């Protein structure tokens, strides 16, 4: 194994451990976000039992489901990190060769910027094909609001994947995939495209101060998240279609889904 491969493996492992810790730390916030996103499409949450907002959701979860339920679906989210990151960076380099071959970043800035957007979006869409079932399971587990095992629809990650496959086939694990692809292309294009372009325009990209890199990364992450959030809300609700024929009937097209969400729950469904 070459030194470059060893270095990549170490960075990948360190990144995975850091991601596992950070994702576990913010899992309660993530679950609250997911519940607020999908509650209107869940058959387990009656209209009169829906959460009124962030505070109401945070207060009611431990009372109704137990404190540990804040981490429901976190295992799938942690596991998903490793193949997602590996595939993203592997495909991104391949797509960069396709979109940025022979492009001079100094004399062809907009061509360079567009190439970074395209390579980032294509990498995200390609990797999503492989890891989508884990993201789907994570959403379904987080949306499962039963307190005891008898009240819950799924017992865990494995049970969720098996039950959905048995009832709806492999296709069931890809519910909402089309919208997710559009969202991930926008998110990854913004993230990798803007980040790589910004880093590439620095005087010495390889020796950039960690604070500068961190500031660029945080800014790009925030911008990408805000831009792609409406797609995230729609795709999460599409994942609940198996549970709710009403959603399947009324959200037949992407634009009608977005307008339907805005009509039924207002602009709070979007950031």
Protein backbone atom coordinates (compact mmCIF):
# COMPACT_ATOMS: atom_id res chain seq x y z
CA UNK A 1 0.00 0.00 0.00
CA UNK A 2 1.39 3.39 -1.02
CA UNK A 3 1.88 6.28 1.41
CA UNK A 4 -0.89 8.17 -0.35
CA UNK A 5 -3.31 5.29 0.15
CA UNK A 6 -2.34 4.97 3.83
CA UNK A 7 -2.79 8.71 4.32
CA UNK A 8 -6.22 8.56 2.67
CA UNK A 9 -7.25 5.60 4.84
CA UNK A 10 -6.19 7.42 8.02
CA UNK A 11 -8.01 10.60 7.02
CA UNK A 12 -11.09 8.61 6.04
CA UNK A 13 -11.15 6.72 9.34
CA UNK A 14 -10.53 9.87 11.37
CA UNK A 15 -13.27 11.64 9.44
CA UNK A 16 -15.63 8.74 10.04
CA UNK A 17 -15.02 8.76 13.79
CA UNK A 18 -15.44 12.52 13.94
CA UNK A 19 -18.65 12.28 11.90
CA UNK A 20 -20.03 9.52 14.14
CA UNK A 21 -19.42 11.66 17.23
CA UNK A 22 -20.82 14.85 15.71
CA UNK A 23 -23.87 13.14 14.19
CA UNK A 24 -24.63 11.44 17.50
CA UNK A 25 -24.28 14.76 19.32
CA UNK A 26 -26.74 16.56 17.04
CA UNK A 27 -29.08 13.58 16.52
CA UNK A 28 -31.79 15.03 18.81
CA UNK A 29 -31.91 18.21 16.70
CA UNK A 30 -31.99 16.16 13.51
CA UNK A 31 -34.90 14.06 14.76
CA UNK A 32 -36.88 17.13 15.73
CA UNK A 33 -36.28 18.56 12.24
CA UNK A 34 -37.38 15.32 10.57
CA UNK A 35 -40.54 15.01 12.66
CA UNK A 36 -41.56 18.57 11.85
CA UNK A 37 -40.89 17.91 8.17
CA UNK A 38 -42.89 14.67 7.83
CA UNK A 39 -45.61 14.87 10.50
CA UNK A 40 -48.25 15.98 7.98
CA UNK A 41 -47.54 12.85 5.91
CA UNK A 42 -47.40 10.37 8.81
CA UNK A 43 -50.36 8.16 9.69
CA UNK A 44 -48.97 7.75 13.22
CA UNK A 45 -49.40 11.45 14.03
CA UNK A 46 -53.05 12.52 14.04
CA UNK A 47 -53.89 16.09 13.03
CA UNK A 48 -54.70 17.08 16.61
CA UNK A 49 -51.46 15.52 17.87
CA UNK A 50 -49.09 17.27 15.48
CA UNK A 51 -46.22 19.28 16.93
CA UNK A 52 -46.78 23.02 17.07
CA UNK A 53 -43.11 23.88 16.68
CA UNK A 54 -39.55 23.15 17.76
CA UNK A 55 -40.08 23.72 21.49
CA UNK A 56 -43.29 21.68 21.59
CA UNK A 57 -41.56 18.82 19.77
CA UNK A 58 -38.53 18.86 22.09
CA UNK A 59 -40.75 18.83 25.20
CA UNK A 60 -43.13 16.10 24.01
CA UNK A 61 -40.63 13.58 22.60
CA UNK A 62 -39.14 12.48 25.97
CA UNK A 63 -42.59 12.48 27.59
CA UNK A 64 -44.30 10.43 24.90
CA UNK A 65 -41.46 8.28 23.52
CA UNK A 66 -38.65 8.38 26.08
CA UNK A 67 -35.37 10.31 26.12
CA UNK A 68 -33.47 7.72 24.05
CA UNK A 69 -35.94 8.18 21.19
CA UNK A 70 -34.10 11.40 20.35
CA UNK A 71 -31.46 9.12 18.77
CA UNK A 72 -33.92 6.99 16.80
CA UNK A 73 -32.51 6.50 13.29
CA UNK A 74 -29.03 7.72 14.27
CA UNK A 75 -27.32 4.37 13.60
CA UNK A 76 -28.40 4.43 9.96
CA UNK A 77 -27.19 8.02 9.69
CA UNK A 78 -23.75 7.14 11.11
CA UNK A 79 -23.35 4.03 8.94
CA UNK A 80 -24.38 6.03 5.87
CA UNK A 81 -21.46 8.43 6.31
CA UNK A 82 -18.69 5.99 5.34
CA UNK A 83 -19.91 4.83 1.91
CA UNK A 84 -21.30 8.29 1.13
CA UNK A 85 -18.01 10.09 1.70
CA UNK A 86 -15.93 7.39 0.01
CA UNK A 87 -18.17 7.38 -3.07
CA UNK A 88 -18.50 11.18 -3.19
CA UNK A 89 -14.77 11.82 -3.26
CA UNK A 90 -14.03 8.85 -5.52
CA UNK A 91 -16.59 9.91 -8.11
CA UNK A 92 -15.79 13.62 -7.74
CA UNK A 93 -12.22 13.06 -8.90
CA UNK A 94 -13.44 11.04 -11.88
CA UNK A 95 -15.99 13.66 -12.85
CA UNK A 96 -13.41 16.42 -12.40
CA UNK A 97 -11.29 14.75 -15.07
CA UNK A 98 -14.33 14.82 -17.37
CA UNK A 99 -15.55 18.37 -16.68
CA UNK A 100 -12.27 20.14 -15.87
CA UNK A 101 -9.80 18.49 -18.20
CA UNK A 102 -7.61 21.19 -19.80
CA UNK A 103 -9.39 24.07 -18.04
CA UNK A 104 -7.23 26.91 -16.70
CA UNK A 105 -8.78 28.25 -13.49
CA UNK A 106 -7.07 31.62 -13.90
CA UNK A 107 -8.06 32.39 -17.50
CA UNK A 108 -11.32 30.39 -17.63
CA UNK A 109 -12.85 31.13 -14.23
CA UNK A 110 -16.51 30.59 -15.12
CA UNK A 111 -15.70 27.38 -17.01
CA UNK A 112 -13.71 26.27 -13.97
CA UNK A 113 -16.57 27.20 -11.61
CA UNK A 114 -19.18 25.41 -13.76
CA UNK A 115 -16.95 22.34 -13.95
CA UNK A 116 -16.69 22.19 -10.17
CA UNK A 117 -20.47 22.54 -9.85
CA UNK A 118 -21.04 19.77 -12.38
CA UNK A 119 -18.49 17.36 -10.88
CA UNK A 120 -19.84 17.90 -7.36
CA UNK A 121 -23.45 17.43 -8.40
CA UNK A 122 -22.73 14.37 -10.52
CA UNK A 123 -20.70 12.77 -7.72
CA UNK A 124 -23.49 13.35 -5.21
CA UNK A 125 -26.15 11.93 -7.52
CA UNK A 126 -24.07 8.84 -8.34
CA UNK A 127 -23.23 8.03 -4.72
CA UNK A 128 -26.89 8.50 -3.72
CA UNK A 129 -27.81 5.53 -5.91
CA UNK A 130 -25.85 3.28 -3.56
CA UNK A 131 -26.66 4.74 -0.12
CA UNK A 132 -30.27 5.86 -0.59
CA UNK A 133 -31.82 2.85 1.23
CA UNK A 134 -29.92 3.84 4.39
CA UNK A 135 -31.16 7.42 4.14
CA UNK A 136 -34.68 6.13 3.53
CA UNK A 137 -34.49 3.84 6.58
CA UNK A 138 -33.14 6.66 8.72
CA UNK A 139 -36.13 8.85 7.84
CA UNK A 140 -38.67 6.10 8.46
CA UNK A 141 -37.10 5.21 11.82
CA UNK A 142 -36.98 8.85 12.92
CA UNK A 143 -40.64 9.28 11.92
CA UNK A 144 -41.69 6.20 13.93
CA UNK A 145 -43.24 7.83 17.02
CA UNK A 146 -44.42 4.77 18.95
CA UNK A 147 -43.05 4.47 22.50
CA UNK A 148 -42.99 0.70 23.07
CA UNK A 149 -42.00 -2.05 20.66
CA UNK A 150 -45.64 -2.96 20.04
CA UNK A 151 -46.56 0.63 19.16
CA UNK A 152 -43.63 1.18 16.83
CA UNK A 153 -43.68 0.11 13.20
CA UNK A 154 -40.01 -0.90 13.11
CA UNK A 155 -37.74 -2.48 15.71
CA UNK A 156 -34.54 -1.13 14.18
CA UNK A 157 -32.52 -0.56 11.00
CA UNK A 158 -32.48 -4.19 9.85
CA UNK A 159 -36.17 -4.68 10.59
CA UNK A 160 -37.04 -1.53 8.63
CA UNK A 161 -35.10 -2.59 5.54
CA UNK A 162 -36.52 -6.14 5.64
CA UNK A 163 -40.16 -5.09 6.16
CA UNK A 164 -40.12 -2.47 3.41
CA UNK A 165 -38.44 -4.88 0.99
CA UNK A 166 -41.00 -7.61 1.74
CA UNK A 167 -44.00 -5.32 1.39
CA UNK A 168 -42.89 -3.10 -1.49
CA UNK A 169 -39.81 -4.73 -2.98
CA UNK A 170 -36.46 -3.04 -3.58
CA UNK A 171 -38.33 -0.20 -5.27
CA UNK A 172 -39.91 0.64 -1.91
CA UNK A 173 -36.48 1.52 -0.52
CA UNK A 174 -36.11 4.15 -3.25
CA UNK A 175 -39.36 6.01 -2.59
CA UNK A 176 -38.77 9.70 -3.28
CA UNK A 177 -35.48 9.01 -5.06
CA UNK A 178 -36.18 11.32 -8.01
CA UNK A 179 -36.68 14.36 -5.79
CA UNK A 180 -33.68 13.35 -3.69
CA UNK A 181 -31.44 13.26 -6.75
CA UNK A 182 -32.48 16.79 -7.69
CA UNK A 183 -31.85 17.98 -4.14
CA UNK A 184 -28.48 16.26 -3.78
CA UNK A 185 -27.30 17.61 -7.14
CA UNK A 186 -28.10 21.14 -5.95
CA UNK A 187 -26.54 20.57 -2.52
CA UNK A 188 -23.36 18.85 -3.71
CA UNK A 189 -22.96 21.21 -6.64
CA UNK A 190 -23.12 24.16 -4.26
CA UNK A 191 -20.91 22.50 -1.66
CA UNK A 192 -18.15 21.03 -3.81
CA UNK A 193 -18.46 23.59 -6.57
CA UNK A 194 -18.22 26.70 -4.41
CA UNK A 195 -15.79 25.16 -1.91
CA UNK A 196 -13.37 23.81 -4.52
CA UNK A 197 -13.55 27.04 -6.51
CA UNK A 198 -12.94 29.20 -3.43
CA UNK A 199 -10.03 27.03 -2.27
CA UNK A 200 -8.61 26.88 -5.78
CA UNK A 201 -8.52 30.66 -6.09
CA UNK A 202 -6.43 31.09 -2.92
CA UNK A 203 -2.71 31.91 -3.38
CA UNK A 204 -1.58 28.58 -1.88
CA UNK A 205 -4.57 26.17 -1.65
CA UNK A 206 -2.55 23.28 -0.19
CA UNK A 207 -1.20 25.37 2.68
CA UNK A 208 -4.32 27.32 3.56
CA UNK A 209 -4.68 28.17 7.24
CA UNK A 210 -7.14 25.87 9.00
CA UNK A 211 -9.26 28.82 10.15
CA UNK A 212 -9.69 30.03 6.57
CA UNK A 213 -10.61 26.52 5.39
CA UNK A 214 -13.08 26.18 8.26
CA UNK A 215 -14.73 29.52 7.49
CA UNK A 216 -15.09 28.62 3.81
CA UNK A 217 -16.51 25.19 4.67
CA UNK A 218 -19.05 26.59 7.16
CA UNK A 219 -20.21 29.29 4.77
CA UNK A 220 -20.57 26.85 1.90
CA UNK A 221 -22.39 24.29 4.07
CA UNK A 222 -24.89 26.91 5.26
CA UNK A 223 -25.55 28.23 1.75
CA UNK A 224 -25.90 24.73 0.26
CA UNK A 225 -28.23 23.67 3.07
CA UNK A 226 -30.55 26.66 2.66
CA UNK A 227 -30.71 26.33 -1.13
CA UNK A 228 -31.50 22.59 -1.05
CA UNK A 229 -33.78 22.54 2.02
CA UNK A 230 -37.13 22.73 0.13
CA UNK A 231 -36.10 19.62 -1.82
CA UNK A 232 -35.18 17.91 1.46
CA UNK A 233 -38.63 18.57 2.91
CA UNK A 234 -40.34 17.22 -0.21
CA UNK A 235 -38.20 14.08 -0.42
CA UNK A 236 -38.71 13.26 3.27
CA UNK A 237 -42.45 13.40 2.75
CA UNK A 238 -42.15 11.31 -0.39
CA UNK A 239 -40.42 8.66 1.72
CA UNK A 240 -43.60 8.49 3.82
CA UNK A 241 -45.79 7.73 0.81
CA UNK A 242 -45.87 4.04 1.61
CA UNK A 243 -47.65 4.97 4.83
CA UNK A 244 -49.99 7.55 3.31
CA UNK A 245 -51.85 7.09 -0.03
CA UNK A 246 -53.07 10.69 0.37
CA UNK A 247 -49.54 11.98 -0.13
CA UNK A 248 -48.98 9.75 -3.16
CA UNK A 249 -52.19 11.01 -4.77
CA UNK A 250 -51.67 14.71 -4.15
CA UNK A 251 -47.90 15.05 -4.60
CA UNK A 252 -47.62 13.61 -8.12
CA UNK A 253 -45.24 16.23 -9.48
CA UNK A 254 -42.31 18.01 -7.86
CA UNK A 255 -43.73 21.50 -8.29
CA UNK A 256 -47.18 20.45 -7.09
CA UNK A 257 -45.54 18.89 -4.01
CA UNK A 258 -43.76 22.11 -3.13
CA UNK A 259 -46.90 24.21 -3.62
CA UNK A 260 -49.00 21.67 -1.71
CA UNK A 261 -46.63 21.84 1.27
CA UNK A 262 -46.67 25.65 1.20
CA UNK A 263 -50.48 25.62 1.01
CA UNK A 264 -51.10 23.10 3.80
CA UNK A 265 -48.44 24.06 6.34
CA UNK A 266 -47.27 27.47 5.19
CA UNK A 267 -43.81 28.77 4.52
CA UNK A 268 -42.56 27.20 7.77
CA UNK A 269 -41.95 24.04 5.77
CA UNK A 270 -39.10 25.93 4.15
CA UNK A 271 -36.23 27.76 5.86
